[in-house]
């Protein structure tokens, strides 16, 4: 693949883009927009959820 010859990993870029979209879009819109199944889009929106509890706990220790 031409991209790989230049050091570009297309899968990583695609996954990063999908994750970025999942932070802003509901699963149903993400599924339509990326032409994936609703179950896959739901998984991606689950990955995109941010859990701030670890961050808050680490800040209290400082």
PDB file of N, CA and C in Angstrom:
ATOM      1  N   UNK A   1       0.845  -1.173   0.000  1.00  0.00           N
ATOM      2  CA  UNK A   1       0.000   0.000   0.000  1.00  0.00           C
ATOM      3  C   UNK A   1       0.892   1.238   0.000  1.00  0.00           C
ATOM      4  N   UNK A   2       0.537   2.226  -0.765  1.00  0.00           N
ATOM      5  CA  UNK A   2       1.353   3.428  -0.911  1.00  0.00           C
ATOM      6  C   UNK A   2       1.518   4.198   0.389  1.00  0.00           C
ATOM      7  N   UNK A   3       0.477   4.274   1.196  1.00  0.00           N
ATOM      8  CA  UNK A   3       0.577   5.016   2.446  1.00  0.00           C
ATOM      9  C   UNK A   3       1.600   4.392   3.389  1.00  0.00           C
ATOM     10  N   UNK A   4       1.618   3.097   3.460  1.00  0.00           N
ATOM     11  CA  UNK A   4       2.554   2.416   4.365  1.00  0.00           C
ATOM     12  C   UNK A   4       3.995   2.632   3.938  1.00  0.00           C
ATOM     13  N   UNK A   5       4.234   2.739   2.643  1.00  0.00           N
ATOM     14  CA  UNK A   5       5.600   3.000   2.167  1.00  0.00           C
ATOM     15  C   UNK A   5       6.117   4.337   2.670  1.00  0.00           C
ATOM     16  N   UNK A   6       5.207   5.248   2.983  1.00  0.00           N
ATOM     17  CA  UNK A   6       5.587   6.576   3.470  1.00  0.00           C
ATOM     18  C   UNK A   6       5.458   6.696   4.988  1.00  0.00           C
ATOM     19  N   UNK A   7       5.266   5.565   5.658  1.00  0.00           N
ATOM     20  CA  UNK A   7       5.208   5.565   7.111  1.00  0.00           C
ATOM     21  C   UNK A   7       3.872   5.977   7.698  1.00  0.00           C
ATOM     22  N   UNK A   8       2.820   5.921   6.896  1.00  0.00           N
ATOM     23  CA  UNK A   8       1.492   6.299   7.375  1.00  0.00           C
ATOM     24  C   UNK A   8       0.677   5.034   7.598  1.00  0.00           C
ATOM     25  N   UNK A   9       0.130   4.892   8.795  1.00  0.00           N
ATOM     26  CA  UNK A   9      -0.693   3.730   9.133  1.00  0.00           C
ATOM     27  C   UNK A   9      -2.165   4.085   8.929  1.00  0.00           C
ATOM     28  N   UNK A  10      -2.763   3.642   7.824  1.00  0.00           N
ATOM     29  CA  UNK A  10      -4.143   4.055   7.532  1.00  0.00           C
ATOM     30  C   UNK A  10      -5.147   3.571   8.570  1.00  0.00           C
ATOM     31  N   UNK A  11      -4.956   2.394   9.128  1.00  0.00           N
ATOM     32  CA  UNK A  11      -5.921   1.889  10.110  1.00  0.00           C
ATOM     33  C   UNK A  11      -5.916   2.758  11.364  1.00  0.00           C
ATOM     34  N   UNK A  12      -4.739   3.128  11.824  1.00  0.00           N
ATOM     35  CA  UNK A  12      -4.656   3.967  13.019  1.00  0.00           C
ATOM     36  C   UNK A  12      -5.323   5.318  12.782  1.00  0.00           C
ATOM     37  N   UNK A  13      -5.093   5.892  11.639  1.00  0.00           N
ATOM     38  CA  UNK A  13      -5.721   7.167  11.307  1.00  0.00           C
ATOM     39  C   UNK A  13      -7.229   7.060  11.216  1.00  0.00           C
ATOM     40  N   UNK A  14      -7.684   5.982  10.609  1.00  0.00           N
ATOM     41  CA  UNK A  14      -9.133   5.765  10.484  1.00  0.00           C
ATOM     42  C   UNK A  14      -9.759   5.566  11.857  1.00  0.00           C
ATOM     43  N   UNK A  15      -9.091   4.801  12.711  1.00  0.00           N
ATOM     44  CA  UNK A  15      -9.619   4.578  14.057  1.00  0.00           C
ATOM     45  C   UNK A  15      -9.620   5.861  14.881  1.00  0.00           C
ATOM     46  N   UNK A  16      -8.580   6.666  14.739  1.00  0.00           N
ATOM     47  CA  UNK A  16      -8.538   7.950  15.442  1.00  0.00           C
ATOM     48  C   UNK A  16      -9.674   8.856  14.990  1.00  0.00           C
ATOM     49  N   UNK A  17      -9.920   8.886  13.695  1.00  0.00           N
ATOM     50  CA  UNK A  17     -11.003   9.710  13.169  1.00  0.00           C
ATOM     51  C   UNK A  17     -12.358   9.209  13.656  1.00  0.00           C
ATOM     52  N   UNK A  18     -12.540   7.905  13.653  1.00  0.00           N
ATOM     53  CA  UNK A  18     -13.813   7.341  14.115  1.00  0.00           C
ATOM     54  C   UNK A  18     -14.024   7.634  15.598  1.00  0.00           C
ATOM     55  N   UNK A  19     -12.962   7.541  16.386  1.00  0.00           N
ATOM     56  CA  UNK A  19     -13.064   7.831  17.809  1.00  0.00           C
ATOM     57  C   UNK A  19     -13.408   9.303  18.042  1.00  0.00           C
ATOM     58  N   UNK A  20     -12.797  10.182  17.257  1.00  0.00           N
ATOM     59  CA  UNK A  20     -13.106  11.606  17.377  1.00  0.00           C
ATOM     60  C   UNK A  20     -14.567  11.883  17.039  1.00  0.00           C
ATOM     61  N   UNK A  21     -15.065  11.247  16.002  1.00  0.00           N
ATOM     62  CA  UNK A  21     -16.478  11.406  15.655  1.00  0.00           C
ATOM     63  C   UNK A  21     -17.387  10.853  16.747  1.00  0.00           C
ATOM     64  N   UNK A  22     -16.978   9.741  17.345  1.00  0.00           N
ATOM     65  CA  UNK A  22     -17.802   9.096  18.373  1.00  0.00           C
ATOM     66  C   UNK A  22     -17.938   9.956  19.620  1.00  0.00           C
ATOM     67  N   UNK A  23     -17.002  10.871  19.837  1.00  0.00           N
ATOM     68  CA  UNK A  23     -17.123  11.756  20.995  1.00  0.00           C
ATOM     69  C   UNK A  23     -18.204  12.804  20.784  1.00  0.00           C
ATOM     70  N   UNK A  24     -18.534  13.090  19.529  1.00  0.00           N
ATOM     71  CA  UNK A  24     -19.480  14.167  19.220  1.00  0.00           C
ATOM     72  C   UNK A  24     -20.811  13.703  18.649  1.00  0.00           C
ATOM     73  N   UNK A  25     -20.887  12.467  18.179  1.00  0.00           N
ATOM     74  CA  UNK A  25     -22.092  12.003  17.506  1.00  0.00           C
ATOM     75  C   UNK A  25     -22.744  10.848  18.250  1.00  0.00           C
ATOM     76  N   UNK A  26     -24.070  10.780  18.218  1.00  0.00           N
ATOM     77  CA  UNK A  26     -24.727   9.588  18.769  1.00  0.00           C
ATOM     78  C   UNK A  26     -24.446   8.379  17.880  1.00  0.00           C
ATOM     79  N   UNK A  27     -24.586   7.198  18.442  1.00  0.00           N
ATOM     80  CA  UNK A  27     -24.244   5.967  17.722  1.00  0.00           C
ATOM     81  C   UNK A  27     -25.017   5.820  16.418  1.00  0.00           C
ATOM     82  N   UNK A  28     -26.279   6.182  16.412  1.00  0.00           N
ATOM     83  CA  UNK A  28     -27.073   6.018  15.190  1.00  0.00           C
ATOM     84  C   UNK A  28     -26.552   6.897  14.058  1.00  0.00           C
ATOM     85  N   UNK A  29     -26.143   8.105  14.367  1.00  0.00           N
ATOM     86  CA  UNK A  29     -25.594   9.011  13.344  1.00  0.00           C
ATOM     87  C   UNK A  29     -24.220   8.531  12.912  1.00  0.00           C
ATOM     88  N   UNK A  30     -23.413   8.076  13.870  1.00  0.00           N
ATOM     89  CA  UNK A  30     -22.087   7.554  13.539  1.00  0.00           C
ATOM     90  C   UNK A  30     -22.193   6.355  12.608  1.00  0.00           C
ATOM     91  N   UNK A  31     -23.146   5.466  12.869  1.00  0.00           N
ATOM     92  CA  UNK A  31     -23.337   4.289  12.018  1.00  0.00           C
ATOM     93  C   UNK A  31     -23.682   4.696  10.594  1.00  0.00           C
ATOM     94  N   UNK A  32     -24.587   5.657  10.447  1.00  0.00           N
ATOM     95  CA  UNK A  32     -24.961   6.121   9.104  1.00  0.00           C
ATOM     96  C   UNK A  32     -23.792   6.826   8.421  1.00  0.00           C
ATOM     97  N   UNK A  33     -23.107   7.661   9.164  1.00  0.00           N
ATOM     98  CA  UNK A  33     -22.031   8.472   8.594  1.00  0.00           C
ATOM     99  C   UNK A  33     -20.840   7.628   8.148  1.00  0.00           C
ATOM    100  N   UNK A  34     -20.503   6.599   8.928  1.00  0.00           N
ATOM    101  CA  UNK A  34     -19.338   5.769   8.611  1.00  0.00           C
ATOM    102  C   UNK A  34     -19.708   4.480   7.894  1.00  0.00           C
ATOM    103  N   UNK A  35     -20.984   4.284   7.651  1.00  0.00           N
ATOM    104  CA  UNK A  35     -21.491   3.094   6.964  1.00  0.00           C
ATOM    105  C   UNK A  35     -21.070   1.818   7.692  1.00  0.00           C
ATOM    106  N   UNK A  36     -21.267   1.828   9.012  1.00  0.00           N
ATOM    107  CA  UNK A  36     -20.989   0.658   9.829  1.00  0.00           C
ATOM    108  C   UNK A  36     -22.276   0.222  10.524  1.00  0.00           C
ATOM    109  N   UNK A  37     -22.224  -0.910  11.172  1.00  0.00           N
ATOM    110  CA  UNK A  37     -23.400  -1.403  11.888  1.00  0.00           C
ATOM    111  C   UNK A  37     -23.635  -0.574  13.142  1.00  0.00           C
ATOM    112  N   UNK A  38     -24.864  -0.603  13.626  1.00  0.00           N
ATOM    113  CA  UNK A  38     -25.191   0.134  14.840  1.00  0.00           C
ATOM    114  C   UNK A  38     -24.439  -0.451  16.041  1.00  0.00           C
ATOM    115  N   UNK A  39     -24.217  -1.764  16.043  1.00  0.00           N
ATOM    116  CA  UNK A  39     -23.479  -2.360  17.165  1.00  0.00           C
ATOM    117  C   UNK A  39     -22.023  -1.895  17.173  1.00  0.00           C
ATOM    118  N   UNK A  40     -21.426  -1.773  16.011  1.00  0.00           N
ATOM    119  CA  UNK A  40     -20.050  -1.265  15.936  1.00  0.00           C
ATOM    120  C   UNK A  40     -20.000   0.200  16.367  1.00  0.00           C
ATOM    121  N   UNK A  41     -20.947   0.987  15.901  1.00  0.00           N
ATOM    122  CA  UNK A  41     -20.987   2.404  16.280  1.00  0.00           C
ATOM    123  C   UNK A  41     -21.220   2.562  17.778  1.00  0.00           C
ATOM    124  N   UNK A  42     -22.044   1.707  18.353  1.00  0.00           N
ATOM    125  CA  UNK A  42     -22.290   1.752  19.792  1.00  0.00           C
ATOM    126  C   UNK A  42     -21.016   1.426  20.561  1.00  0.00           C
ATOM    127  N   UNK A  43     -20.253   0.459  20.073  1.00  0.00           N
ATOM    128  CA  UNK A  43     -18.972   0.125  20.694  1.00  0.00           C
ATOM    129  C   UNK A  43     -18.020   1.322  20.659  1.00  0.00           C
ATOM    130  N   UNK A  44     -17.959   1.998  19.512  1.00  0.00           N
ATOM    131  CA  UNK A  44     -17.071   3.155  19.381  1.00  0.00           C
ATOM    132  C   UNK A  44     -17.483   4.286  20.311  1.00  0.00           C
ATOM    133  N   UNK A  45     -18.795   4.530  20.434  1.00  0.00           N
ATOM    134  CA  UNK A  45     -19.224   5.585  21.362  1.00  0.00           C
ATOM    135  C   UNK A  45     -18.904   5.193  22.797  1.00  0.00           C
ATOM    136  N   UNK A  46     -18.936   3.890  23.094  1.00  0.00           N
ATOM    137  CA  UNK A  46     -18.519   3.426  24.417  1.00  0.00           C
ATOM    138  C   UNK A  46     -17.038   3.665  24.660  1.00  0.00           C
ATOM    139  N   UNK A  47     -16.215   3.450  23.651  1.00  0.00           N
ATOM    140  CA  UNK A  47     -14.773   3.712  23.770  1.00  0.00           C
ATOM    141  C   UNK A  47     -14.508   5.205  23.997  1.00  0.00           C
ATOM    142  N   UNK A  48     -15.335   6.033  23.405  1.00  0.00           N
ATOM    143  CA  UNK A  48     -15.116   7.477  23.453  1.00  0.00           C
ATOM    144  C   UNK A  48     -15.544   8.107  24.772  1.00  0.00           C
ATOM    145  N   UNK A  49     -16.307   7.397  25.562  1.00  0.00           N
ATOM    146  CA  UNK A  49     -16.733   7.959  26.849  1.00  0.00           C
ATOM    147  C   UNK A  49     -15.508   8.221  27.697  1.00  0.00           C
ATOM    148  N   UNK A  50     -15.532   9.348  28.294  1.00  0.00           N
ATOM    149  CA  UNK A  50     -14.396   9.705  29.125  1.00  0.00           C
ATOM    150  C   UNK A  50     -14.746   9.470  30.580  1.00  0.00           C
ATOM    151  N   UNK A  51     -13.868   8.800  31.255  1.00  0.00           N
ATOM    152  CA  UNK A  51     -14.026   8.567  32.674  1.00  0.00           C
ATOM    153  C   UNK A  51     -13.023   9.464  33.395  1.00  0.00           C
ATOM    154  N   UNK A  52     -13.524  10.484  34.037  1.00  0.00           N
ATOM    155  CA  UNK A  52     -12.663  11.465  34.677  1.00  0.00           C
ATOM    156  C   UNK A  52     -12.325  11.087  36.116  1.00  0.00           C
ATOM    157  N   UNK A  53     -12.822   9.960  36.613  1.00  0.00           N
ATOM    158  CA  UNK A  53     -12.602   9.617  38.009  1.00  0.00           C
ATOM    159  C   UNK A  53     -11.131   9.409  38.336  1.00  0.00           C
ATOM    160  N   UNK A  54     -10.393   8.736  37.456  1.00  0.00           N
ATOM    161  CA  UNK A  54      -8.955   8.534  37.704  1.00  0.00           C
ATOM    162  C   UNK A  54      -8.211   9.863  37.735  1.00  0.00           C
ATOM    163  N   UNK A  55      -8.583  10.750  36.842  1.00  0.00           N
ATOM    164  CA  UNK A  55      -7.943  12.065  36.802  1.00  0.00           C
ATOM    165  C   UNK A  55      -8.214  12.834  38.089  1.00  0.00           C
ATOM    166  N   UNK A  56      -9.457  12.838  38.518  1.00  0.00           N
ATOM    167  CA  UNK A  56      -9.823  13.562  39.743  1.00  0.00           C
ATOM    168  C   UNK A  56      -9.105  12.956  40.949  1.00  0.00           C
ATOM    169  N   UNK A  57      -9.059  11.647  41.011  1.00  0.00           N
ATOM    170  CA  UNK A  57      -8.378  10.988  42.129  1.00  0.00           C
ATOM    171  C   UNK A  57      -6.894  11.338  42.141  1.00  0.00           C
ATOM    172  N   UNK A  58      -6.268  11.397  40.985  1.00  0.00           N
ATOM    173  CA  UNK A  58      -4.849  11.721  40.944  1.00  0.00           C
ATOM    174  C   UNK A  58      -4.608  13.181  41.332  1.00  0.00           C
ATOM    175  N   UNK A  59      -5.520  14.047  41.006  1.00  0.00           N
ATOM    176  CA  UNK A  59      -5.371  15.457  41.365  1.00  0.00           C
ATOM    177  C   UNK A  59      -5.496  15.677  42.876  1.00  0.00           C
ATOM    178  N   UNK A  60      -6.302  14.868  43.524  1.00  0.00           N
ATOM    179  CA  UNK A  60      -6.473  15.015  44.981  1.00  0.00           C
ATOM    180  C   UNK A  60      -5.235  14.584  45.740  1.00  0.00           C
ATOM    181  N   UNK A  61      -4.431  13.700  45.167  1.00  0.00           N
ATOM    182  CA  UNK A  61      -3.209  13.225  45.826  1.00  0.00           C
ATOM    183  C   UNK A  61      -2.097  14.254  45.810  1.00  0.00           C
ATOM    184  N   UNK A  62      -2.177  15.177  44.908  1.00  0.00           N
ATOM    185  CA  UNK A  62      -1.082  16.161  44.750  1.00  0.00           C
ATOM    186  C   UNK A  62      -1.101  17.189  45.860  1.00  0.00           C
TER     187      UNK A  62
END
